[in-house]
C-alpha cells in the first residue's frame, strides 16, 4: 500500500473530504489530492501528521523476508572456507552434468 492509498483509505474511513483534512492540516485540498494520487510522496513525518489529525497513528514495522530457502544452509556454507565451498561447487557441477547426460540418453 502506498502512502497515498493509506491516506485516502483513512480519510474515507473517517468520512472526511479532502478539503476538510486540508483545513485541519492548514494546507490546500490540491496538496492532499496530490498525495492521495501518489503524484507526490510525503515524508514520513508529514504522513504521520496527516494521520494524527484523524486520530490515527502511523506505525512502521520491519519483518523478516522469506526468500524461499533455508537460511541455516547459507550459514553452514558461509562457515566453510572459500576452498571448501569451491570444492563442493565443483562436485555439485559434476553431478549435475552426469544427471544431464543420463537425461539426454533417456530421451534418445
N, C-alpha and C. Protein backbone atom coordinates (compact mmCIF):
# COMPACT_ATOMS: atom_id res chain seq x y z
N UNK A 1 0.85 -1.17 0.00
CA UNK A 1 0.00 0.00 0.00
C UNK A 1 0.89 1.23 0.00
N UNK A 2 0.57 2.18 -0.85
CA UNK A 2 1.34 3.41 -0.92
C UNK A 2 0.88 4.39 0.16
N UNK A 3 1.67 5.42 0.35
CA UNK A 3 1.30 6.46 1.32
C UNK A 3 -0.03 7.10 0.91
N UNK A 4 -0.19 7.34 -0.38
CA UNK A 4 -1.42 7.95 -0.87
C UNK A 4 -2.64 7.08 -0.62
N UNK A 5 -2.48 5.79 -0.88
CA UNK A 5 -3.59 4.86 -0.64
C UNK A 5 -3.95 4.81 0.84
N UNK A 6 -2.94 4.79 1.69
CA UNK A 6 -3.17 4.77 3.13
C UNK A 6 -3.91 6.03 3.58
N UNK A 7 -3.46 7.18 3.09
CA UNK A 7 -4.11 8.43 3.48
C UNK A 7 -5.56 8.47 2.99
N UNK A 8 -5.78 8.10 1.74
CA UNK A 8 -7.14 8.13 1.17
C UNK A 8 -8.07 7.18 1.93
N UNK A 9 -7.58 5.95 2.19
CA UNK A 9 -8.40 4.96 2.90
C UNK A 9 -8.75 5.45 4.31
N UNK A 10 -7.77 6.02 4.99
CA UNK A 10 -8.01 6.52 6.35
C UNK A 10 -8.98 7.69 6.34
N UNK A 11 -8.76 8.61 5.41
CA UNK A 11 -9.64 9.79 5.32
C UNK A 11 -11.08 9.37 5.05
N UNK A 12 -11.25 8.43 4.14
CA UNK A 12 -12.61 7.96 3.82
C UNK A 12 -13.24 7.23 5.00
N UNK A 13 -12.45 6.46 5.71
CA UNK A 13 -12.96 5.74 6.89
C UNK A 13 -13.48 6.73 7.94
N UNK A 14 -12.84 7.89 8.01
CA UNK A 14 -13.25 8.93 8.96
C UNK A 14 -14.30 9.86 8.35
N UNK A 15 -14.73 9.54 7.16
CA UNK A 15 -15.76 10.32 6.46
C UNK A 15 -15.41 11.80 6.35
N UNK A 16 -14.17 12.04 5.98
CA UNK A 16 -13.71 13.42 5.76
C UNK A 16 -13.51 13.65 4.26
N UNK A 17 -13.73 14.86 3.83
CA UNK A 17 -13.39 15.23 2.46
C UNK A 17 -11.92 15.65 2.44
N UNK A 18 -11.37 15.72 1.25
CA UNK A 18 -10.01 16.23 1.12
C UNK A 18 -9.93 17.65 1.65
N UNK A 19 -10.95 18.44 1.38
CA UNK A 19 -10.97 19.83 1.83
C UNK A 19 -10.96 19.91 3.36
N UNK A 20 -11.73 19.03 4.02
CA UNK A 20 -11.77 19.04 5.49
C UNK A 20 -10.42 18.65 6.08
N UNK A 21 -9.79 17.61 5.50
CA UNK A 21 -8.47 17.22 6.00
C UNK A 21 -7.46 18.34 5.75
N UNK A 22 -7.55 18.95 4.59
CA UNK A 22 -6.63 20.05 4.27
C UNK A 22 -6.79 21.20 5.26
N UNK A 23 -8.02 21.50 5.66
CA UNK A 23 -8.25 22.58 6.64
C UNK A 23 -7.59 22.23 7.97
N UNK A 24 -7.72 20.98 8.40
CA UNK A 24 -7.08 20.56 9.65
C UNK A 24 -5.56 20.69 9.55
N UNK A 25 -5.03 20.37 8.37
CA UNK A 25 -3.58 20.37 8.18
C UNK A 25 -3.04 21.74 7.77
N UNK A 26 -3.96 22.71 7.58
CA UNK A 26 -3.56 24.05 7.13
C UNK A 26 -2.77 23.99 5.83
N UNK A 27 -3.35 23.24 4.89
CA UNK A 27 -2.78 23.14 3.55
C UNK A 27 -3.93 23.19 2.56
N UNK A 28 -3.64 22.95 1.31
CA UNK A 28 -4.70 23.02 0.29
C UNK A 28 -5.28 21.64 0.00
N UNK A 29 -6.50 21.66 -0.53
CA UNK A 29 -7.14 20.41 -0.95
C UNK A 29 -6.30 19.79 -2.06
N UNK A 30 -5.71 20.60 -2.92
CA UNK A 30 -4.88 20.09 -4.01
C UNK A 30 -3.67 19.32 -3.48
N UNK A 31 -3.09 19.81 -2.37
CA UNK A 31 -1.94 19.11 -1.79
C UNK A 31 -2.33 17.72 -1.29
N UNK A 32 -3.50 17.62 -0.67
CA UNK A 32 -3.99 16.32 -0.19
C UNK A 32 -4.26 15.42 -1.40
N UNK A 33 -4.86 15.98 -2.43
CA UNK A 33 -5.15 15.22 -3.64
C UNK A 33 -3.88 14.66 -4.28
N UNK A 34 -2.84 15.48 -4.36
CA UNK A 34 -1.57 15.03 -4.96
C UNK A 34 -0.98 13.87 -4.18
N UNK A 35 -1.08 13.92 -2.86
CA UNK A 35 -0.57 12.81 -2.04
C UNK A 35 -1.40 11.56 -2.29
N UNK A 36 -2.72 11.71 -2.26
CA UNK A 36 -3.61 10.55 -2.42
C UNK A 36 -3.49 9.91 -3.80
N UNK A 37 -3.17 10.70 -4.81
CA UNK A 37 -2.99 10.16 -6.16
C UNK A 37 -1.56 9.69 -6.40
N UNK A 38 -0.71 9.76 -5.37
CA UNK A 38 0.70 9.35 -5.47
C UNK A 38 1.48 10.17 -6.49
N UNK A 39 1.05 11.40 -6.70
CA UNK A 39 1.80 12.32 -7.55
C UNK A 39 3.03 12.79 -6.79
N UNK A 40 2.85 13.00 -5.49
CA UNK A 40 3.97 13.33 -4.61
C UNK A 40 4.00 12.32 -3.47
N UNK A 41 5.17 12.09 -2.98
CA UNK A 41 5.33 11.16 -1.86
C UNK A 41 5.67 11.97 -0.61
N UNK A 42 4.80 11.95 0.38
CA UNK A 42 5.07 12.76 1.57
C UNK A 42 6.19 12.16 2.41
N UNK A 43 6.82 12.98 3.20
CA UNK A 43 7.79 12.44 4.15
C UNK A 43 7.03 11.62 5.19
N UNK A 44 7.74 10.81 5.90
CA UNK A 44 7.10 10.02 6.96
C UNK A 44 6.50 10.95 8.00
N UNK A 45 7.20 12.03 8.30
CA UNK A 45 6.69 12.99 9.29
C UNK A 45 5.38 13.62 8.82
N UNK A 46 5.31 13.98 7.54
CA UNK A 46 4.08 14.58 7.01
C UNK A 46 2.94 13.58 7.03
N UNK A 47 3.20 12.37 6.59
CA UNK A 47 2.15 11.34 6.60
C UNK A 47 1.69 11.07 8.02
N UNK A 48 2.62 10.97 8.94
CA UNK A 48 2.26 10.73 10.35
C UNK A 48 1.40 11.88 10.88
N UNK A 49 1.75 13.10 10.52
CA UNK A 49 0.97 14.26 10.98
C UNK A 49 -0.44 14.25 10.40
N UNK A 50 -0.57 13.95 9.11
CA UNK A 50 -1.90 13.89 8.50
C UNK A 50 -2.76 12.81 9.14
N UNK A 51 -2.16 11.68 9.42
CA UNK A 51 -2.90 10.61 10.09
C UNK A 51 -3.26 11.00 11.52
N UNK A 52 -2.33 11.66 12.20
CA UNK A 52 -2.55 12.11 13.58
C UNK A 52 -3.75 13.06 13.66
N UNK A 53 -3.90 13.88 12.64
CA UNK A 53 -5.02 14.82 12.58
C UNK A 53 -6.37 14.09 12.48
N UNK A 54 -6.31 12.80 12.13
CA UNK A 54 -7.53 11.98 12.07
C UNK A 54 -7.56 10.98 13.24
N UNK A 55 -6.75 11.26 14.27
CA UNK A 55 -6.66 10.39 15.45
C UNK A 55 -6.19 8.99 15.09
N UNK A 56 -5.23 8.93 14.19
CA UNK A 56 -4.61 7.66 13.79
C UNK A 56 -3.12 7.80 14.01
N UNK A 57 -2.48 6.68 14.27
CA UNK A 57 -1.03 6.68 14.48
C UNK A 57 -0.36 5.86 13.39
N UNK A 58 0.64 6.43 12.77
CA UNK A 58 1.42 5.72 11.76
C UNK A 58 2.37 4.77 12.48
N UNK A 59 2.30 3.50 12.15
CA UNK A 59 3.16 2.50 12.77
C UNK A 59 4.00 1.85 11.67
N UNK A 60 5.31 1.97 11.81
CA UNK A 60 6.23 1.34 10.87
C UNK A 60 6.79 0.09 11.52
N UNK A 61 6.95 -0.95 10.72
CA UNK A 61 7.49 -2.20 11.26
C UNK A 61 8.40 -2.85 10.22
N UNK A 62 9.25 -3.71 10.69
CA UNK A 62 10.10 -4.50 9.81
C UNK A 62 9.82 -5.97 10.08
N UNK A 63 9.75 -6.74 9.01
CA UNK A 63 9.50 -8.17 9.15
C UNK A 63 10.53 -8.93 8.33
N UNK A 64 10.91 -10.11 8.78
CA UNK A 64 11.88 -10.89 8.01
C UNK A 64 11.31 -11.26 6.64
N UNK A 65 12.18 -11.33 5.66
CA UNK A 65 11.78 -11.70 4.31
C UNK A 65 11.94 -13.20 4.13
N UNK A 66 10.95 -13.85 3.56
CA UNK A 66 11.05 -15.27 3.23
C UNK A 66 11.56 -15.38 1.81
N UNK A 67 12.83 -15.70 1.67
CA UNK A 67 13.44 -15.78 0.34
C UNK A 67 13.17 -17.13 -0.32
N UNK A 68 12.49 -18.03 0.39
CA UNK A 68 12.16 -19.32 -0.21
C UNK A 68 13.26 -20.36 -0.06
N UNK A 69 14.21 -20.13 0.80
CA UNK A 69 15.24 -21.13 1.06
C UNK A 69 15.62 -21.08 2.53
N UNK A 70 16.25 -22.13 2.97
CA UNK A 70 16.62 -22.27 4.37
C UNK A 70 17.89 -21.47 4.65
N UNK A 71 17.78 -20.39 5.41
CA UNK A 71 18.94 -19.54 5.68
C UNK A 71 19.99 -20.26 6.52
N UNK A 72 19.59 -21.30 7.24
CA UNK A 72 20.59 -22.04 8.01
C UNK A 72 21.57 -22.74 7.08
N UNK A 73 21.11 -23.12 5.88
CA UNK A 73 22.03 -23.72 4.90
C UNK A 73 23.06 -22.69 4.45
N UNK A 74 22.63 -21.45 4.26
CA UNK A 74 23.57 -20.40 3.90
C UNK A 74 24.61 -20.21 5.00
N UNK A 75 24.14 -20.19 6.24
CA UNK A 75 25.09 -20.01 7.35
C UNK A 75 26.11 -21.14 7.37
N UNK A 76 25.64 -22.36 7.13
CA UNK A 76 26.56 -23.51 7.12
C UNK A 76 27.58 -23.35 6.00
N UNK A 77 27.14 -22.92 4.83
CA UNK A 77 28.06 -22.73 3.70
C UNK A 77 29.05 -21.61 4.00
N UNK A 78 28.59 -20.53 4.61
CA UNK A 78 29.48 -19.42 4.90
C UNK A 78 30.48 -19.75 5.99
N UNK A 79 30.17 -20.75 6.80
CA UNK A 79 31.11 -21.18 7.84
C UNK A 79 32.28 -21.96 7.24
N UNK A 80 32.10 -22.45 6.01
CA UNK A 80 33.18 -23.19 5.33
C UNK A 80 34.22 -22.22 4.80
N UNK A 81 35.41 -22.74 4.57
CA UNK A 81 36.45 -21.92 3.96
C UNK A 81 36.09 -21.73 2.49
N UNK A 82 36.63 -20.69 1.87
CA UNK A 82 36.36 -20.50 0.44
C UNK A 82 36.77 -21.71 -0.40
N UNK A 83 37.90 -22.33 -0.06
CA UNK A 83 38.34 -23.50 -0.82
C UNK A 83 37.32 -24.64 -0.72
N UNK A 84 36.78 -24.86 0.48
CA UNK A 84 35.80 -25.93 0.66
C UNK A 84 34.52 -25.63 -0.12
N UNK A 85 34.11 -24.37 -0.13
CA UNK A 85 32.91 -24.01 -0.90
C UNK A 85 33.13 -24.24 -2.38
N UNK A 86 34.32 -23.90 -2.88
CA UNK A 86 34.62 -24.12 -4.30
C UNK A 86 34.63 -25.62 -4.60
N UNK A 87 35.26 -26.42 -3.73
CA UNK A 87 35.30 -27.88 -3.95
C UNK A 87 33.89 -28.45 -4.00
N UNK A 88 33.03 -28.04 -3.07
CA UNK A 88 31.66 -28.53 -3.07
C UNK A 88 30.91 -28.07 -4.33
N UNK A 89 31.18 -26.86 -4.77
CA UNK A 89 30.56 -26.37 -6.01
C UNK A 89 30.97 -27.18 -7.21
N UNK A 90 32.25 -27.55 -7.28
CA UNK A 90 32.75 -28.37 -8.40
C UNK A 90 32.09 -29.74 -8.37
N UNK A 91 31.99 -30.35 -7.19
CA UNK A 91 31.34 -31.66 -7.06
C UNK A 91 29.88 -31.56 -7.50
N UNK A 92 29.20 -30.52 -7.08
CA UNK A 92 27.80 -30.32 -7.46
C UNK A 92 27.67 -30.17 -8.97
N UNK A 93 28.55 -29.39 -9.56
CA UNK A 93 28.52 -29.17 -11.01
C UNK A 93 28.73 -30.48 -11.76
N UNK A 94 29.67 -31.29 -11.30
CA UNK A 94 29.92 -32.58 -11.97
C UNK A 94 28.70 -33.48 -11.87
N UNK A 95 28.07 -33.50 -10.70
CA UNK A 95 26.86 -34.33 -10.54
C UNK A 95 25.74 -33.85 -11.46
N UNK A 96 25.58 -32.55 -11.58
CA UNK A 96 24.54 -32.02 -12.47
C UNK A 96 24.82 -32.39 -13.92
N UNK A 97 26.09 -32.36 -14.33
CA UNK A 97 26.45 -32.77 -15.69
C UNK A 97 26.16 -34.25 -15.91
N UNK A 98 26.42 -35.07 -14.90
CA UNK A 98 26.10 -36.51 -15.01
C UNK A 98 24.60 -36.71 -15.17
N UNK A 99 23.81 -36.00 -14.37
CA UNK A 99 22.35 -36.11 -14.45
C UNK A 99 21.87 -35.65 -15.81
N UNK A 100 22.42 -34.57 -16.32
CA UNK A 100 22.03 -34.05 -17.63
C UNK A 100 22.35 -35.08 -18.71
N UNK A 101 23.52 -35.72 -18.60
CA UNK A 101 23.91 -36.75 -19.58
C UNK A 101 22.95 -37.94 -19.56
N UNK A 102 22.57 -38.39 -18.36
CA UNK A 102 21.61 -39.50 -18.24
C UNK A 102 20.27 -39.10 -18.85
N UNK A 103 19.83 -37.90 -18.58
CA UNK A 103 18.55 -37.43 -19.11
C UNK A 103 18.58 -37.37 -20.63
N UNK A 104 19.68 -36.97 -21.22
CA UNK A 104 19.79 -36.91 -22.68
C UNK A 104 19.78 -38.30 -23.28
N UNK A 105 20.44 -39.26 -22.62
CA UNK A 105 20.45 -40.64 -23.14
C UNK A 105 19.06 -41.26 -23.07
N UNK A 106 18.32 -40.94 -22.01
CA UNK A 106 16.97 -41.49 -21.84
C UNK A 106 16.06 -40.94 -22.94
N UNK A 107 16.21 -39.67 -23.29
CA UNK A 107 15.37 -39.07 -24.32
C UNK A 107 15.68 -39.59 -25.70
N UNK A 108 16.89 -40.07 -25.94
CA UNK A 108 17.30 -40.53 -27.28
C UNK A 108 16.77 -41.89 -27.61
